[in-house]
Each structure stands twice: as C-alpha cells, then as structure tokens.
Amino acid sequence: MHGGSMIQRIAKVLFFSGLVCWTGVLAQEFHPDWKSLGQYRVPEWFKDAKFGIFMHWGVQSVPAYDGWYARDMYMQGGETYEHHLAHYGHPSKFGYKDLIPLWTADKWNPDSLVGFYKSIGAKYIVYVAVHHDNFDNYASTFQPWNSVAMGPHKDIVKGWADAARKYGLRFGVSSHSDRTWNWFITAHGNDSAGSLEGVPYDGALTAKDGAKTWWSGFNPQDLYCATHSNADPPDSAYCTKWYNRTKELIDKYHPDLLYFDGPMPLQVVTGWRRSDQMKLSSAAQEEMESYGMKIAAHFYNANQSWHGEKLEAVLNLKTWLPGSVPDHSAVVMDIEKGQSDTLNADYWQTDTPLNGNWFYSPGPLDLSDTVVVQNLCDIVSKNGNLLLNVSLRADGSLPDDQKKVLVNVGQWLDINGEAIFGARTWKIFGEGPTKIQGGDFRQNRTPFTSSDIRFTKKGDTLYAIILGRPKEKAVVIHSLKRGSPVESAPISRIEMLGNVGRLKWEMRDDGLMVTLPEIIACDYACVLRVTFTK
C-alpha cells in the first residue's frame, strides 16, 4: 500500500546530476497514480513566496510579433503568416528552423537579471526550458535541436539555475513540448492558394535535404515531429522522447518547480489534442498517459533526494476539462491569465504576462503597476501566488517599460511586503464592490477601488489591504463590525505600514472605523496592521 501512507520506506531512485547517481531512503515514495500522488503536501517555501517571475524567452522572441509565432507563421491568410512572408520569406524556403541562427542572446546576463528580480521582491523564477516549438533551451541529450548545439550556443537553463541559486531564489522550469505533436502540425502543411499552392512547408524536410545548409546533419523531423494528421495520436517514439527529455531536464538542473501547460502531459481526455478524432484502444491510451504520471512521481521522488528527504517540489498543472486533473491536492493548480473569485482551501498559482504576448513584442503593456500590485493582493488573500511573466528581447535585455513596472512593484513590496511574504489567509478574503471573475483568461486589467479591502494574517496580526489611496480621512472595515461572525479578539493597536505611529480607531455597529494618517506613503494600495490582544 502506498496511497496516503507516511511510513518511511526504502526507495531506489536513480537520477543523474552530472555523473552522480543516488540510491537511498525517501520519507515517502510516490508512484505514478493519483492515489499515491495524493500524499503530496505543498512545501512551506511556496506558501511563503507569493511572488515569482516567469520568463518566456527563446527563438520565438526573434520576430517580436506573436507568442505562437512558430505555429501561426504556417497558417496562410493569418497576420503572422503575412508578417513572416514580408520579413523572412515563404515558409517553404525560410521556415521556423531558420530563425534559430538569429537568436544569439548576445546581451543576456542572467546574473544581473536575477539579481534585479530579487531586488524587486521575487522569491522564485521559472524559465520556459522548452516551449511548444520543441526547441530545448538547454544541453539536451535527446533533442538535437537545442540552444547549445545551435542558436546562442549556450545552456540557457543552466545560466538561470546558477543565478537563481547564487541569489537564494527557488528555481523552476516550464516544459511545453508534450503539446508539440498537435501544435506544430501546421509546419507540415502548404499554401491552399496562390503562386506556391501545394508547395510543402519546411516541416516536410528530412536530414537528407540538409546538404550544404546551415542545418546540415540535423533532421527537421526532430523539430517539427514526424509527418502525421490530426487524427493520429502521438506515436511511441514521440512519447518516449518527451519522457527522456523531461526526465533529463529534472535530473540535470534540479528544479523545485515544474510547470506543465495543461493537465498531466499526454492525456487524451484534455480535448486540445482532438481526442474525438483519435482512434485509441484503452490499453494504448493508458500507456500514453502513463508517461506524464511517471514524470510526476519521479519529480517528487528525486526532489526529496536533493533535499535530505524533504519534499520541496511544486508541480503546476491546469484544468481544461472537468476531471482532467482528478486530484487538485496532488499538485498545485495554475490559472492562466486569471484569478480565483473565492478563497481556496488548496494553494494555487496564476501566471500572466506584463504585455499581451508571452514572448516579447513591442506595444503597450497589458498590465499597469497599479493593477499588478492590486491583483497580487487579491491573489494572496485567496491563497494564491502570482507568477508574473517578463518578456525579454531576443538579445536577452529587459525592455524599459517592463523594468519600470517591476521597479514600482518592488518599491511597494519594500514597504508592504510584510503583509504578503509569509502571510496566510484569514477567515474571509476581503470585502468591497469589485467582483473578480474566476477562471482562466478572465484576468482583471482595471484598478480596484479604495472601498475594496483584502485580508492576510500572520499569527495575531491581521493585515487589511486597502486597494487604492483613500480620499477620505477614515476608512470603515465592515467585516470587523461589532458582533460580526469573523470578529476576532480585542484589538490592541492599529498602524499603517510605511507610516510611524499608532492610528485612532473605533469599533462601531457598521464596522471598524480607522482614522488615516495625513500623509500616506504608498501608491496602489495601503496596508493597515491590526494587532489583536493575545
């Protein structure tokens, strides 16, 4: 028996860290099934962290146009196709692979960037080690198309991992290559009209076509996947390769967070893989889905071994269809470009980009500094973390507009981080007129009002976060009115973070009225520290 048991057992877990192998004792051994994964408990570091930096940066940063450039450039009639045609040529002659030499990363300085992320309050970083484009941004043994063999000729993942550990930040990686089979099928198409109608795109090329080209010796089928139709499920070679690449990513770089862009990888039930068209026997489906489950168990087991039998792992999954993640407590669920509308019992995370695209593109940012801070407060009050995506330019530099927002967020956290980092949820998440829509792709982009208040706590201290700069001389916290079901012990004092001295307050039938200081030190949101008598 293994589901839910806390009995220590001998486990033989082998992984590679350079040339080092490990065999030893685990506090709990995880197996590739949901019952066993249900033993999982969220580590304290993640509960405390609250704020992390996500980075989509790679070959798709070169055109600076579309976060799904690699797929959309092969879709005739679309804006990305037309952009590619105008700037690079027809995808039968200049395909996605030909963007790779243009990604030189010549201004990339991971030490400087990670040092900056730490200075603005980030507690962890997550880098997209491989996006849907199937290009590994690390020294990959199983994918010849990688950033060490070509492009920048650098181990990008190692650079981020080393810098994160130097500055004491937790390190995570994101792997999206389980989606490539379906996502990159456009590269195997052709124009349906025009002068090049019927001419295959470069996804049809093979190794023998590479003579006297820059990619001589490489097989485009390794990048674009073997030619197939939408009705074809991923073949065993693809699934095995995905497993080997992902396991190597875990074993070589020892991340504490592993992010998958969907439910457990290689599940048919998720819908995006057009499962209604696939003809799979139950046995074949079970075999295909076992790869993701084995990776999950391996990640948890290996992570314990790196940390002296202490599980420090966070595995991020998403729900796309009901039942696609049978046990939300076995992982940390992620909401993409969205928030929760309720206080969740399970810890969760949202990931969202500062600009509209995950990869860099010029243009106005999607989120202001005000909204980032206020959304962070709302997320933390509901038991969540914010993983904020930064989009570097292709050369590895941080755009000034994104840097300015991050600096402003950091300045707010310098004063008010006490109410965020290491805090826990209260009996309710908050009060006020603004209602958040819960779920993916329902992100709040507008400021809250100063009538919106969010709560966090530490021990006997309650933090009431006013989402805005109040115009009135006093604020009334209605949730703390006399006789309220959430009324706590008697209050001993109230202060505002960033200001010196105690504030005057009065408990009334309609709520706790607090007289605010003449000068409020913070923009975006201000925090009342309410200390209760022990």
Protein backbone atom coordinates (compact mmCIF):
# COMPACT_ATOMS: atom_id res chain seq x y z
CA MET A 1 0.00 0.00 0.00
CA HIS A 2 1.28 3.47 -0.80
CA GLY A 3 -1.59 5.94 -1.06
CA GLY A 4 -1.57 8.34 1.91
CA SER A 5 0.93 6.29 3.98
CA MET A 6 3.53 8.33 5.81
CA ILE A 7 5.67 5.32 6.74
CA GLN A 8 9.26 5.72 5.66
CA ARG A 9 10.32 3.15 3.11
CA ILE A 10 13.33 2.27 1.09
CA ALA A 11 13.10 3.61 -2.44
CA LYS A 12 15.53 3.14 -5.25
CA VAL A 13 15.51 6.40 -7.10
CA LEU A 14 18.12 6.91 -9.76
CA PHE A 15 18.77 10.21 -11.38
CA PHE A 16 21.69 11.95 -12.98
CA SER A 17 23.38 15.06 -11.67
CA GLY A 18 26.40 15.23 -13.86
CA LEU A 19 27.97 11.84 -13.22
CA VAL A 20 26.41 11.35 -9.79
CA CYS A 21 23.80 8.69 -9.07
CA TRP A 22 21.80 8.39 -5.85
CA THR A 23 20.19 5.44 -4.12
CA GLY A 24 18.74 5.91 -0.67
CA VAL A 25 15.84 6.44 1.70
CA LEU A 26 12.80 8.58 0.97
CA ALA A 27 10.41 9.92 3.56
CA GLN A 28 7.61 8.83 1.24
CA GLU A 29 7.79 7.15 -2.13
CA PHE A 30 5.48 8.35 -4.87
CA HIS A 31 4.13 6.08 -7.57
CA PRO A 32 2.65 7.03 -10.96
CA ASP A 33 -1.01 7.04 -9.93
CA TRP A 34 -3.32 9.66 -8.47
CA LYS A 35 -3.80 7.82 -5.18
CA SER A 36 -0.08 7.87 -4.50
CA LEU A 37 0.37 11.46 -5.74
CA GLY A 38 -2.35 12.39 -3.26
CA GLN A 39 0.26 12.09 -0.49
CA TYR A 40 1.65 15.41 -1.72
CA ARG A 41 1.78 18.44 0.56
CA VAL A 42 2.66 21.93 -0.66
CA PRO A 43 6.11 22.98 0.67
CA GLU A 44 6.42 25.93 3.03
CA TRP A 45 8.71 27.85 0.68
CA PHE A 46 5.95 28.09 -1.92
CA LYS A 47 3.34 29.08 0.67
CA ASP A 48 5.66 31.89 1.80
CA ALA A 49 6.90 33.03 -1.62
CA LYS A 50 3.73 34.61 -3.10
CA PHE A 51 5.55 36.33 -5.99
CA GLY A 52 7.66 34.83 -8.75
CA ILE A 53 8.97 35.80 -12.18
CA PHE A 54 8.12 33.73 -15.27
CA MET A 55 10.19 34.07 -18.47
CA HIS A 56 9.16 33.13 -21.99
CA TRP A 57 12.32 33.77 -23.97
CA GLY A 58 13.75 31.88 -26.92
CA VAL A 59 13.61 31.57 -30.70
CA GLN A 60 10.08 32.98 -30.81
CA SER A 61 11.46 36.22 -29.33
CA VAL A 62 13.32 36.91 -32.61
CA PRO A 63 10.38 38.12 -34.75
CA ALA A 64 8.94 40.03 -31.73
CA TYR A 65 5.45 39.56 -33.08
CA ASP A 66 3.32 36.68 -31.81
CA GLY A 67 3.53 34.36 -28.80
CA TRP A 68 2.51 31.47 -31.04
CA TYR A 69 4.70 32.54 -33.94
CA ALA A 70 6.07 29.07 -34.68
CA ARG A 71 2.58 27.70 -35.30
CA ASP A 72 0.87 30.74 -36.79
CA MET A 73 3.55 31.52 -39.38
CA TYR A 74 2.39 28.45 -41.30
CA MET A 75 -1.29 29.44 -41.38
CA GLN A 76 -1.93 31.10 -44.73
CA GLY A 77 -4.14 34.16 -44.56
CA GLY A 78 -3.32 34.99 -40.96
CA GLU A 79 -1.50 38.11 -39.77
CA THR A 80 1.54 36.15 -38.58
CA TYR A 81 1.85 34.35 -41.92
CA GLU A 82 1.76 37.69 -43.74
CA HIS A 83 4.32 39.16 -41.34
CA HIS A 84 6.65 36.22 -41.90
CA LEU A 85 6.21 36.44 -45.67
CA ALA A 86 7.10 40.16 -45.65
CA HIS A 87 10.09 39.92 -43.30
CA TYR A 88 11.61 36.49 -43.94
CA GLY A 89 10.06 34.89 -47.00
CA HIS A 90 7.80 31.96 -47.77
CA PRO A 91 7.76 29.19 -45.10
CA SER A 92 8.71 26.62 -47.72
CA LYS A 93 12.02 28.46 -48.14
CA PHE A 94 12.52 30.15 -44.77
CA GLY A 95 10.85 28.13 -42.06
CA TYR A 96 10.79 28.39 -38.30
CA LYS A 97 14.06 26.48 -38.03
CA ASP A 98 15.77 29.29 -39.97
CA LEU A 99 15.00 31.76 -37.18
CA ILE A 100 17.23 29.76 -34.83
CA PRO A 101 20.60 31.22 -36.02
CA LEU A 102 19.12 34.71 -35.49
CA TRP A 103 18.69 34.06 -31.77
CA THR A 104 22.15 35.00 -30.48
CA ALA A 105 21.28 36.15 -26.92
CA ASP A 106 24.33 38.42 -27.13
CA LYS A 107 23.18 40.77 -24.31
CA TRP A 108 21.93 38.06 -21.96
CA ASN A 109 23.24 38.45 -18.41
CA PRO A 110 21.38 36.04 -16.10
CA ASP A 111 23.34 37.17 -13.04
CA SER A 112 22.30 40.79 -13.49
CA LEU A 113 18.68 39.94 -14.31
CA VAL A 114 18.16 37.51 -11.44
CA GLY A 115 19.82 39.97 -9.07
CA PHE A 116 17.29 42.55 -10.24
CA TYR A 117 14.37 40.13 -9.81
CA LYS A 118 15.46 39.52 -6.23
CA SER A 119 15.76 43.25 -5.56
CA ILE A 120 12.10 43.82 -6.50
CA GLY A 121 10.88 41.03 -4.20
CA ALA A 122 10.61 37.93 -6.37
CA LYS A 123 11.13 34.72 -4.39
CA TYR A 124 11.34 32.30 -7.32
CA ILE A 125 11.93 32.31 -11.06
CA VAL A 126 10.52 29.94 -13.67
CA TYR A 127 12.02 29.70 -17.15
CA VAL A 128 10.39 28.10 -20.18
CA ALA A 129 13.00 25.43 -20.91
CA VAL A 130 11.09 24.29 -23.99
CA HIS A 131 8.01 25.88 -25.49
CA HIS A 132 5.52 24.34 -27.93
CA ASP A 133 8.14 24.95 -30.64
CA ASN A 134 10.04 21.83 -29.47
CA PHE A 135 13.39 23.64 -29.18
CA ASP A 136 15.23 22.76 -25.96
CA ASN A 137 16.89 25.77 -24.33
CA TYR A 138 19.46 23.60 -22.57
CA ALA A 139 22.09 20.91 -23.18
CA SER A 140 19.66 18.24 -24.29
CA THR A 141 20.87 14.72 -24.97
CA PHE A 142 17.62 13.65 -26.61
CA GLN A 143 16.71 16.71 -28.73
CA PRO A 144 19.43 17.68 -31.25
CA TRP A 145 17.66 20.99 -31.84
CA ASN A 146 18.80 22.79 -28.71
CA SER A 147 20.41 26.07 -27.62
CA VAL A 148 23.84 24.55 -27.03
CA ALA A 149 24.09 22.92 -30.46
CA MET A 150 22.83 25.99 -32.36
CA GLY A 151 21.43 29.49 -31.96
CA PRO A 152 23.12 31.15 -28.97
CA HIS A 153 25.28 28.04 -28.33
CA LYS A 154 24.59 28.47 -24.60
CA ASP A 155 22.98 26.36 -21.90
CA ILE A 156 20.24 28.85 -21.07
CA VAL A 157 18.59 26.77 -18.33
CA LYS A 158 21.92 26.35 -16.53
CA GLY A 159 22.54 30.08 -16.66
CA TRP A 160 19.22 30.82 -14.97
CA ALA A 161 19.61 27.97 -12.46
CA ASP A 162 23.09 29.08 -11.40
CA ALA A 163 22.00 32.69 -10.96
CA ALA A 164 18.87 31.73 -9.00
CA ARG A 165 20.91 29.68 -6.55
CA LYS A 166 23.53 32.43 -6.21
CA TYR A 167 20.84 34.88 -5.12
CA GLY A 168 18.90 32.42 -2.97
CA LEU A 169 15.81 32.21 -5.19
CA ARG A 170 13.95 28.99 -5.87
CA PHE A 171 14.33 27.77 -9.43
CA GLY A 172 11.66 26.33 -11.68
CA VAL A 173 11.32 25.22 -15.28
CA SER A 174 8.39 25.03 -17.66
CA SER A 175 8.10 22.31 -20.29
CA HIS A 176 5.53 22.53 -23.07
CA SER A 177 6.88 20.00 -25.57
CA ASP A 178 4.12 17.48 -24.86
CA ARG A 179 1.91 19.79 -26.94
CA THR A 180 4.17 19.92 -29.99
CA TRP A 181 2.63 16.93 -31.78
CA ASN A 182 -0.64 18.72 -32.38
CA TRP A 183 0.51 22.35 -32.12
CA PHE A 184 3.28 22.22 -34.74
CA ILE A 185 1.33 20.22 -37.31
CA THR A 186 0.91 23.43 -39.33
CA ALA A 187 4.58 23.17 -40.40
CA HIS A 188 3.62 20.06 -42.39
CA GLY A 189 1.08 21.93 -44.49
CA ASN A 190 1.21 24.06 -47.61
CA ASP A 191 -0.50 27.06 -49.18
CA SER A 192 -4.02 26.27 -50.36
CA ALA A 193 -3.98 29.11 -52.90
CA GLY A 194 -1.58 31.44 -54.71
CA SER A 195 1.57 31.01 -56.77
CA LEU A 196 3.05 28.46 -54.33
CA GLU A 197 -0.14 26.47 -53.87
CA GLY A 198 0.64 22.90 -52.85
CA VAL A 199 4.35 23.50 -52.23
CA PRO A 200 5.14 21.83 -48.86
CA TYR A 201 6.35 23.97 -45.97
CA ASP A 202 9.72 23.08 -44.46
CA GLY A 203 8.12 20.66 -41.99
CA ALA A 204 8.30 18.12 -44.83
CA LEU A 205 12.11 18.29 -44.99
CA THR A 206 14.30 15.45 -43.73
CA ALA A 207 18.00 15.11 -42.90
CA LYS A 208 18.96 14.26 -46.49
CA ASP A 209 17.69 17.70 -47.58
CA GLY A 210 20.24 19.44 -45.37
CA ALA A 211 23.33 19.09 -47.55
CA LYS A 212 25.19 22.41 -47.82
CA THR A 213 22.77 24.16 -45.47
CA TRP A 214 23.44 25.66 -42.02
CA TRP A 215 21.46 22.79 -40.51
CA SER A 216 23.41 20.04 -42.24
CA GLY A 217 23.47 16.94 -40.05
CA PHE A 218 20.19 17.77 -38.32
CA ASN A 219 16.81 16.28 -39.15
CA PRO A 220 13.89 18.77 -39.29
CA GLN A 221 11.58 15.90 -38.35
CA ASP A 222 13.16 16.01 -34.87
CA LEU A 223 11.99 19.62 -34.55
CA TYR A 224 8.63 19.51 -36.32
CA CYS A 225 7.80 15.87 -35.40
CA ALA A 226 7.15 13.11 -37.91
CA THR A 227 4.55 13.91 -40.55
CA HIS A 228 1.08 12.96 -39.31
CA SER A 229 -2.56 14.04 -39.36
CA ASN A 230 -4.78 15.47 -36.62
CA ALA A 231 -6.36 12.04 -36.24
CA ASP A 232 -3.06 10.39 -35.39
CA PRO A 233 -2.24 10.10 -31.69
CA PRO A 234 1.36 10.75 -30.62
CA ASP A 235 3.43 7.71 -31.53
CA SER A 236 5.55 5.79 -29.03
CA ALA A 237 8.78 7.38 -30.31
CA TYR A 238 7.40 10.86 -29.58
CA CYS A 239 6.15 9.86 -26.12
CA THR A 240 9.42 8.16 -25.19
CA LYS A 241 11.44 11.12 -26.41
CA TRP A 242 9.24 13.50 -24.41
CA TYR A 243 9.75 11.40 -21.28
CA ASN A 244 13.53 11.21 -21.72
CA ARG A 245 13.88 14.94 -22.38
CA THR A 246 11.74 15.91 -19.40
CA LYS A 247 13.45 13.48 -17.04
CA GLU A 248 16.84 14.81 -18.12
CA LEU A 249 15.64 18.37 -17.53
CA ILE A 250 14.68 17.40 -13.97
CA ASP A 251 17.77 15.34 -13.22
CA LYS A 252 20.32 17.74 -14.70
CA TYR A 253 19.03 21.06 -13.31
CA HIS A 254 17.20 20.07 -10.09
CA PRO A 255 14.24 22.46 -10.28
CA ASP A 256 11.97 22.89 -7.27
CA LEU A 257 9.07 23.84 -9.55
CA LEU A 258 7.98 22.05 -12.72
CA TYR A 259 5.26 23.72 -14.78
CA PHE A 260 3.22 21.94 -17.45
CA ASP A 261 0.98 23.95 -19.78
CA GLY A 262 -2.14 21.88 -19.21
CA PRO A 263 -3.27 18.80 -17.29
CA MET A 264 -0.91 15.86 -16.85
CA PRO A 265 1.08 15.64 -20.12
CA LEU A 266 -0.01 13.27 -22.89
CA GLN A 267 -3.53 12.84 -21.58
CA VAL A 268 -6.05 12.28 -24.36
CA VAL A 269 -9.01 13.50 -22.31
CA THR A 270 -7.93 17.14 -22.41
CA GLY A 271 -9.58 17.99 -25.70
CA TRP A 272 -6.89 20.16 -27.31
CA ARG A 273 -5.44 17.03 -28.87
CA ARG A 274 -8.71 16.47 -30.78
CA SER A 275 -9.35 13.27 -28.85
CA ASP A 276 -12.75 12.99 -30.52
CA GLN A 277 -10.93 12.19 -33.77
CA MET A 278 -8.32 9.87 -32.34
CA LYS A 279 -8.74 6.14 -32.55
CA LEU A 280 -7.05 4.72 -29.48
CA SER A 281 -7.68 1.49 -27.64
CA SER A 282 -7.99 1.71 -23.87
CA ALA A 283 -4.62 -0.01 -23.50
CA ALA A 284 -2.91 2.39 -25.91
CA GLN A 285 -4.42 5.41 -24.16
CA GLU A 286 -3.37 4.13 -20.75
CA GLU A 287 0.18 3.57 -21.98
CA MET A 288 0.41 7.05 -23.49
CA GLU A 289 -0.92 8.72 -20.36
CA SER A 290 1.48 6.77 -18.14
CA TYR A 291 4.44 8.88 -19.31
CA GLY A 292 3.23 12.04 -17.57
CA MET A 293 2.33 10.17 -14.39
CA LYS A 294 5.79 8.59 -14.28
CA ILE A 295 7.41 12.00 -14.65
CA ALA A 296 5.30 13.40 -11.80
CA ALA A 297 6.29 10.56 -9.46
CA HIS A 298 9.92 10.80 -10.49
CA PHE A 299 9.98 14.56 -9.90
CA TYR A 300 8.59 14.20 -6.37
CA ASN A 301 10.91 11.32 -5.50
CA ALA A 302 14.04 12.91 -6.97
CA ASN A 303 13.30 16.26 -5.36
CA GLN A 304 13.18 14.64 -1.92
CA SER A 305 16.58 13.10 -2.51
CA TRP A 306 18.13 16.51 -3.30
CA HIS A 307 16.72 17.99 -0.09
CA GLY A 308 17.60 15.38 2.51
CA GLU A 309 14.27 13.54 2.28
CA LYS A 310 12.27 16.79 2.49
CA LEU A 311 9.80 17.31 -0.36
CA GLU A 312 10.28 20.80 -1.77
CA ALA A 313 8.68 20.16 -5.17
CA VAL A 314 5.86 22.10 -6.79
CA LEU A 315 4.18 20.61 -9.87
CA ASN A 316 1.90 23.03 -11.74
CA LEU A 317 -1.00 21.69 -13.79
CA LYS A 318 -4.12 23.27 -15.32
CA THR A 319 -7.68 22.10 -15.66
CA TRP A 320 -9.01 22.24 -19.21
CA LEU A 321 -12.00 19.91 -18.95
CA PRO A 322 -13.83 18.59 -15.87
CA GLY A 323 -11.94 15.63 -14.45
CA SER A 324 -8.75 16.28 -16.40
CA VAL A 325 -6.93 16.68 -13.06
CA PRO A 326 -8.66 14.17 -10.77
CA ASP A 327 -6.99 15.32 -7.54
CA HIS A 328 -6.17 19.03 -7.24
CA SER A 329 -4.45 18.48 -3.90
CA ALA A 330 -1.84 16.21 -5.56
CA VAL A 331 -0.32 19.20 -7.39
CA VAL A 332 -0.51 23.00 -7.34
CA MET A 333 -3.16 24.10 -9.79
CA ASP A 334 -2.42 27.03 -12.09
CA ILE A 335 -4.88 29.57 -13.51
CA GLU A 336 -3.64 31.10 -16.77
CA LYS A 337 -4.28 34.83 -17.17
CA GLY A 338 -6.89 34.73 -14.45
CA GLN A 339 -7.65 34.70 -10.76
CA SER A 340 -9.89 32.95 -8.29
CA ASP A 341 -13.16 34.54 -7.26
CA THR A 342 -13.16 32.67 -3.94
CA LEU A 343 -10.90 31.81 -1.03
CA ASN A 344 -9.46 28.40 -1.97
CA ALA A 345 -8.56 25.74 0.57
CA ASP A 346 -5.79 24.45 -1.73
CA TYR A 347 -2.80 26.60 -2.63
CA TRP A 348 -2.83 27.77 -6.24
CA GLN A 349 -0.98 30.00 -8.67
CA THR A 350 -1.80 32.31 -11.53
CA ASP A 351 0.59 33.08 -14.35
CA THR A 352 0.17 36.12 -16.56
CA PRO A 353 2.33 38.33 -18.80
CA LEU A 354 3.01 42.02 -18.35
CA ASN A 355 2.45 42.57 -22.05
CA GLY A 356 -0.20 40.95 -24.22
CA ASN A 357 2.11 38.26 -25.57
CA TRP A 358 4.06 35.72 -23.57
CA PHE A 359 7.08 36.36 -25.80
CA TYR A 360 8.39 39.86 -26.41
CA SER A 361 6.56 42.16 -28.78
CA PRO A 362 6.54 45.98 -28.82
CA GLY A 363 3.44 47.90 -27.86
CA PRO A 364 1.57 48.98 -24.72
CA LEU A 365 1.76 46.72 -21.70
CA ASP A 366 -1.31 44.73 -20.76
CA LEU A 367 -0.97 45.40 -17.02
CA SER A 368 -0.06 48.59 -15.16
CA ASP A 369 1.94 48.69 -11.94
CA THR A 370 -1.27 49.57 -10.07
CA VAL A 371 -3.08 46.53 -11.39
CA VAL A 372 -0.13 44.20 -10.77
CA VAL A 373 0.08 45.24 -7.10
CA GLN A 374 -3.66 45.12 -6.53
CA ASN A 375 -4.06 41.78 -8.30
CA LEU A 376 -1.18 40.40 -6.21
CA CYS A 377 -3.00 41.42 -3.02
CA ASP A 378 -6.24 39.87 -4.24
CA ILE A 379 -4.47 36.64 -5.23
CA VAL A 380 -2.62 36.28 -1.93
CA SER A 381 -5.80 36.91 0.05
CA LYS A 382 -7.32 33.89 -1.72
CA ASN A 383 -4.42 31.51 -1.06
CA GLY A 384 -2.61 32.04 -4.34
CA ASN A 385 0.77 33.05 -5.77
CA LEU A 386 1.41 35.41 -8.68
CA LEU A 387 3.89 34.21 -11.32
CA LEU A 388 4.40 37.33 -13.42
CA ASN A 389 5.81 36.80 -16.91
CA VAL A 390 8.62 39.04 -18.14
CA SER A 391 9.27 39.05 -21.89
CA LEU A 392 12.92 39.67 -22.73
CA ARG A 393 14.01 40.92 -26.11
CA ALA A 394 15.69 38.36 -28.35
CA ASP A 395 19.13 39.64 -27.31
CA GLY A 396 18.33 38.94 -23.64
CA SER A 397 17.79 42.53 -22.50
CA LEU A 398 14.85 43.65 -20.36
CA PRO A 399 12.62 46.30 -22.02
CA ASP A 400 12.47 49.60 -20.14
CA ASP A 401 8.68 49.68 -19.81
CA GLN A 402 8.59 46.27 -18.15
CA LYS A 403 11.52 47.19 -15.91
CA LYS A 404 9.74 50.35 -14.75
CA VAL A 405 6.65 48.39 -13.70
CA LEU A 406 8.79 45.84 -11.85
CA VAL A 407 10.72 48.59 -10.05
CA ASN A 408 7.45 50.19 -8.91
CA VAL A 409 6.08 46.84 -7.73
CA GLY A 410 9.33 46.27 -5.84
CA GLN A 411 9.14 49.67 -4.14
CA TRP A 412 5.62 48.88 -2.94
CA LEU A 413 6.76 45.49 -1.64
CA ASP A 414 9.69 47.10 0.18
CA ILE A 415 7.16 48.87 2.37
CA ASN A 416 4.27 46.44 2.40
CA GLY A 417 5.85 43.02 1.84
CA GLU A 418 5.17 42.16 5.48
CA ALA A 419 1.51 41.68 4.52
CA ILE A 420 2.42 39.49 1.53
CA PHE A 421 5.50 37.34 2.07
CA GLY A 422 4.97 34.53 4.54
CA ALA A 423 1.38 35.63 5.16
CA ARG A 424 -1.59 33.29 5.30
CA THR A 425 -5.25 33.71 4.53
CA TRP A 426 -7.78 34.97 7.06
CA LYS A 427 -11.34 33.79 7.70
CA ILE A 428 -12.54 35.71 4.62
CA PHE A 429 -10.54 37.09 1.70
CA GLY A 430 -11.98 40.58 1.72
CA GLU A 431 -14.82 42.98 1.10
CA GLY A 432 -15.79 45.68 -1.36
CA PRO A 433 -17.74 46.37 -4.55
CA THR A 434 -15.35 44.96 -7.17
CA LYS A 435 -16.15 41.42 -8.23
CA ILE A 436 -13.49 39.26 -9.88
CA GLN A 437 -14.46 36.68 -12.49
CA GLY A 438 -12.82 33.38 -11.65
CA GLY A 439 -11.09 31.10 -14.13
CA ASP A 440 -8.58 31.08 -16.96
CA PHE A 441 -8.34 34.03 -19.37
CA ARG A 442 -10.55 36.28 -17.23
CA GLN A 443 -7.77 38.43 -15.92
CA ASN A 444 -8.57 41.67 -14.14
CA ARG A 445 -6.98 44.59 -16.04
CA THR A 446 -8.57 47.54 -14.27
CA PRO A 447 -7.76 49.07 -10.87
CA PHE A 448 -9.80 48.21 -7.80
CA THR A 449 -11.32 50.96 -5.63
CA SER A 450 -10.30 52.17 -2.19
CA SER A 451 -13.52 50.54 -0.94
CA ASP A 452 -12.04 47.15 -1.85
CA ILE A 453 -10.16 45.59 1.06
CA ARG A 454 -8.23 42.32 1.14
CA PHE A 455 -7.08 40.44 4.26
CA THR A 456 -3.99 38.41 5.14
CA LYS A 457 -2.65 37.39 8.52
CA LYS A 458 0.42 36.32 10.49
CA GLY A 459 -0.19 34.92 13.96
CA ASP A 460 -2.15 37.50 15.99
CA THR A 461 -1.74 40.18 13.33
CA LEU A 462 -4.33 40.93 10.66
CA TYR A 463 -3.43 42.95 7.57
CA ALA A 464 -6.23 44.93 5.96
CA ILE A 465 -5.02 45.93 2.48
CA ILE A 466 -6.89 48.90 1.05
CA LEU A 467 -6.72 48.57 -2.74
CA GLY A 468 -6.13 52.18 -3.63
CA ARG A 469 -5.35 55.51 -1.99
CA PRO A 470 -8.37 56.55 0.11
CA LYS A 471 -9.61 60.11 -0.40
CA GLU A 472 -11.46 60.15 2.89
CA LYS A 473 -9.84 60.81 6.26
CA ALA A 474 -11.10 57.49 7.63
CA VAL A 475 -11.88 54.01 6.36
CA VAL A 476 -14.54 51.62 7.66
CA ILE A 477 -13.82 47.90 7.58
CA HIS A 478 -17.30 46.44 7.58
CA SER A 479 -16.18 42.85 8.10
CA LEU A 480 -14.90 43.82 11.56
CA LYS A 481 -18.14 45.36 12.83
CA ARG A 482 -19.26 44.60 16.35
CA GLY A 483 -20.85 41.15 16.59
CA SER A 484 -19.61 40.03 13.16
CA PRO A 485 -19.08 36.25 12.74
CA VAL A 486 -15.44 36.98 11.84
CA GLU A 487 -14.82 39.39 14.70
CA SER A 488 -11.60 38.38 16.44
CA ALA A 489 -10.11 39.08 19.87
CA PRO A 490 -9.95 42.66 21.18
CA ILE A 491 -7.70 44.98 19.18
CA SER A 492 -4.63 46.35 20.93
CA ARG A 493 -3.32 48.69 18.21
CA ILE A 494 -3.57 49.64 14.53
CA GLU A 495 -0.76 51.02 12.36
CA MET A 496 -0.21 51.71 8.67
CA LEU A 497 2.83 50.12 7.04
CA GLY A 498 5.23 52.81 5.87
CA ASN A 499 3.99 55.32 8.45
CA VAL A 500 5.15 55.88 12.02
CA GLY A 501 2.80 55.79 14.97
CA ARG A 502 -0.49 54.26 16.02
CA LEU A 503 -3.77 55.18 14.39
CA LYS A 504 -7.03 56.12 16.08
CA TRP A 505 -9.85 53.64 15.66
CA GLU A 506 -13.38 52.99 16.83
CA MET A 507 -15.43 49.80 16.81
CA ARG A 508 -18.92 50.61 15.56
CA ASP A 509 -22.02 48.68 14.62
CA ASP A 510 -21.28 49.17 10.91
CA GLY A 511 -17.60 48.26 11.19
CA LEU A 512 -14.16 49.19 12.42
CA MET A 513 -13.51 52.86 11.61
CA VAL A 514 -9.83 53.76 11.34
CA THR A 515 -8.63 57.35 11.08
CA LEU A 516 -5.93 57.50 8.44
CA PRO A 517 -2.68 59.48 8.64
CA GLU A 518 -2.44 62.85 6.93
CA ILE A 519 0.25 61.56 4.55
CA ILE A 520 0.07 58.04 3.11
CA ALA A 521 3.43 56.69 1.97
CA CYS A 522 2.18 54.25 -0.68
CA ASP A 523 0.51 54.32 -4.05
CA TYR A 524 -1.50 51.41 -5.47
CA ALA A 525 -2.57 50.05 -2.05
CA CYS A 526 -2.02 50.81 1.62
CA VAL A 527 -1.88 48.31 4.47
CA LEU A 528 -3.31 48.54 7.97
CA ARG A 529 -1.62 46.31 10.53
CA VAL A 530 -4.24 45.30 13.09
CA THR A 531 -2.77 43.66 16.20
CA PHE A 532 -5.11 41.72 18.47
CA THR A 533 -4.72 41.17 22.17
CA LYS A 534 -3.36 37.69 22.84
